[in-house]
Amino acid sequence: MTDAKHNMENGEGGVGIELDNCDKISNVADIEFSEVAEPLIYKVSDRPPIHMTFFFAFQQVLVALSGSLAISSFVADVACASDFSDIRTELLSSTLLMNGVTTLLMVTIGARLPLFQGAASDYVVPLLAMQVIDKDFCALPVSSSTYTETENSSLPVTNSTGVDTDLRRQLAFTKLQEFQGCLIIVGIIHCLVGLTGISGFLLRFIGPVTVVPAILLSGIFLSRATAKFARSHWGMAAVTAVTSIVLSLYIGHKKMPCPAWSRKKGFFIYWYPFHQVFSLLIGILVGWLLSAIMTLSGVLTDDTSNVQYMSRVDAQAGIITNASWFSVPYPNQFGPPSFHTGVFIAFLLATITSILDSIGDYYACARVCDVCPPPRHAVNRGIAVEGFASIISGALGCGHATTTNGGSIGAVGVTKVASRDVFVCVAVIYIIFGLVGKVSAVFITIPQPVLGGAMIVMFGMFNGIVLSNLQVLSLSSTRNLAIIGTSLLVGLMVPYWLEAFPDDFDTGNAYNNNIIKTLLANPNLCGGVVACFLDNTVPGTARERGITAWQEYDKQEKVRKYSEGPEVYLPLFPETWFSWKVMKYLPFCYYRSEVKHEQPSVLTEKLQNHTEE
């Protein structure tokens, strides 16, 4: 969640001017900047040369690639499919394809900002929690003909002696089908939130005091899954993480010489923080190279039963050979969707946090791109597109939805390239990656400790970004400190209690036990519910709670001119459609009113008077 301040309910920003009228501000020539930002190289609607567009796009692809790989690996783990390379390849192919499809939809008909849509970790955390609580989560069934039918799912009866590969595969398919069905349902809800424009209603009750503990608990809980990948060789994981940290933090402020060529200058050298932008990728390559050296020198064991075997560079080499060149993910590729109450509620909570996260990212992206804050129709359209993409993700069996990637927004701020064309190219590259099976197979062969080391950096940064939202609320308030501290404690305590003492909780009904334990094992749900309840019942002002900061842009800033007007948010509809009266009643559409705007001089005087006050 970013620290961008916004108001979805009233659609206001700056000094109270409606967002739909932000073109008034951009046309006022005598309003000064409070801060002179470094100009963008390419603005949102600019069209860079084709070769530069590809270069910028490939850079964005590499920035977000490791995150998508990590989330897909988590899904394979919680679906008990880690031993099946073909399932893992299909899951990653579906993830990469949906990254491309959702990004393309977002840039063309969604919020229309340069926003990359990547795999959302919010949906994986509750699944990992279920795996931790249920000791028989991945236990093998007795036989292919022995299953227990329940109201919730058809899970096979477990037997410690079962070693049938077909049954293990069927178990993985069963879990993926449950993820699939629940994701389709919450995707419909997500889409309706955008189409009806009720996201402002959520912001009345859910503010920073609720969101920070809920999302932070996700990042903390992911440390369990990260340890699973790093445990095969902690030294290799440490080298990967330390390399990324040194490049991004210790020497990140320095620039390195990079060769370039242009028609005017010919070959020349320019200075660019290449090592900082690609610090995570370089860290993975260093770890991968270390694994190759240790494998060839015989340092790593070749015993497949030893946990260290997964740190070898050739541990999964056969995946590339067996993978097909072209693989098209299709609906129900793992079987027909089913339903699981616990998974559905967990996904529903993840959808709410994902919506709030995306809204903040839209506003942050607008500020980075030097355009006026997104109007309500653009935000609602963006949320609707994300929900629609969640439905497709569910149908393809991804096991997770896609959401706006904050790291890509940061990359735009570093590179100063905000062109939509770049992100259209990003979408095309990801779609190609998703369709070419060999590409997904190459990523799958990354040694587990190398991936674990990358996760340490990624999710460590994720936790820091979440904590940065605390700056918008009063940390001197005993009320806020008590609510945040209590919710974090409950979110960590209850799942641990169920894990350490599973027999303490018993309703007398095995089915009810399973459902309730699934819900209580979710740290987001436990901590988020406590934080939301206390934040809305304990007396406190809106400014103290941070609600004011989220609903209004900082009024201490002077109004600024933007590099482009609100036309960047217009959907790709014929011009005449915008004057249709029906558009006025559709929250996701733009309506051009025939009321004439005030003269710029009158507006300038009002803005100056308001600023002085």
Foldseek 3Di string as FASTA:
>chain_A
DFQAAAFLPQCAEALGDHLVPCVLLQPQDPFDFPDDDDAFPAFAAGDDPPVVLLVLLVLLLLLCVLVQLVLLCLLCVLLLNNVPLVVSLLLSLLQLLLQLVLLLCCCFFFLVFNFGWHFDLLLRQLSVLLCLLDVCSQAFAPDPVAWDDDPFFIAHHGDNPDDDPVRSLLSSLRVLLALLQLLLVLLVVLLVCLFQSCLSVVLVQDDLLQLLLLVLLSLVSCLVVLCLLQVLPVVLLQQLQVQLCCLQPVCQVFWDWDWDADPVPGIDIDTASPCNSNSNVVSLVVSLVVLAVCQVVVVFDCPPVRSNNLSHLCSQVVLLVPWAFFDDQFFQPSHHHGHHLLSNVSVNLSSSSLLVVQLSLQQLLCVLSQERRRGQLNSSRNSNSQSVSSNVSSRSSNSTGIGTDNSSSVVCSRNSHTYSSSSNSSSVVSSSCSGGSSNSSVSVSRRSSSSSSSSVNVSVVVSVSSVVSCVQADPVDPLSVVLSVVLNCQLVPQSVCSSVPVPVDDPPDPSVSSNVNSQSSNSSNSSSVSSSVSVVPPDDDCSNRSSNRNHYPPNLTQRDHGPDYNVSSAHPDPPVVQCDPVQVVGSNHHHDDPDDDDDSVVVVVVSVVSNVD
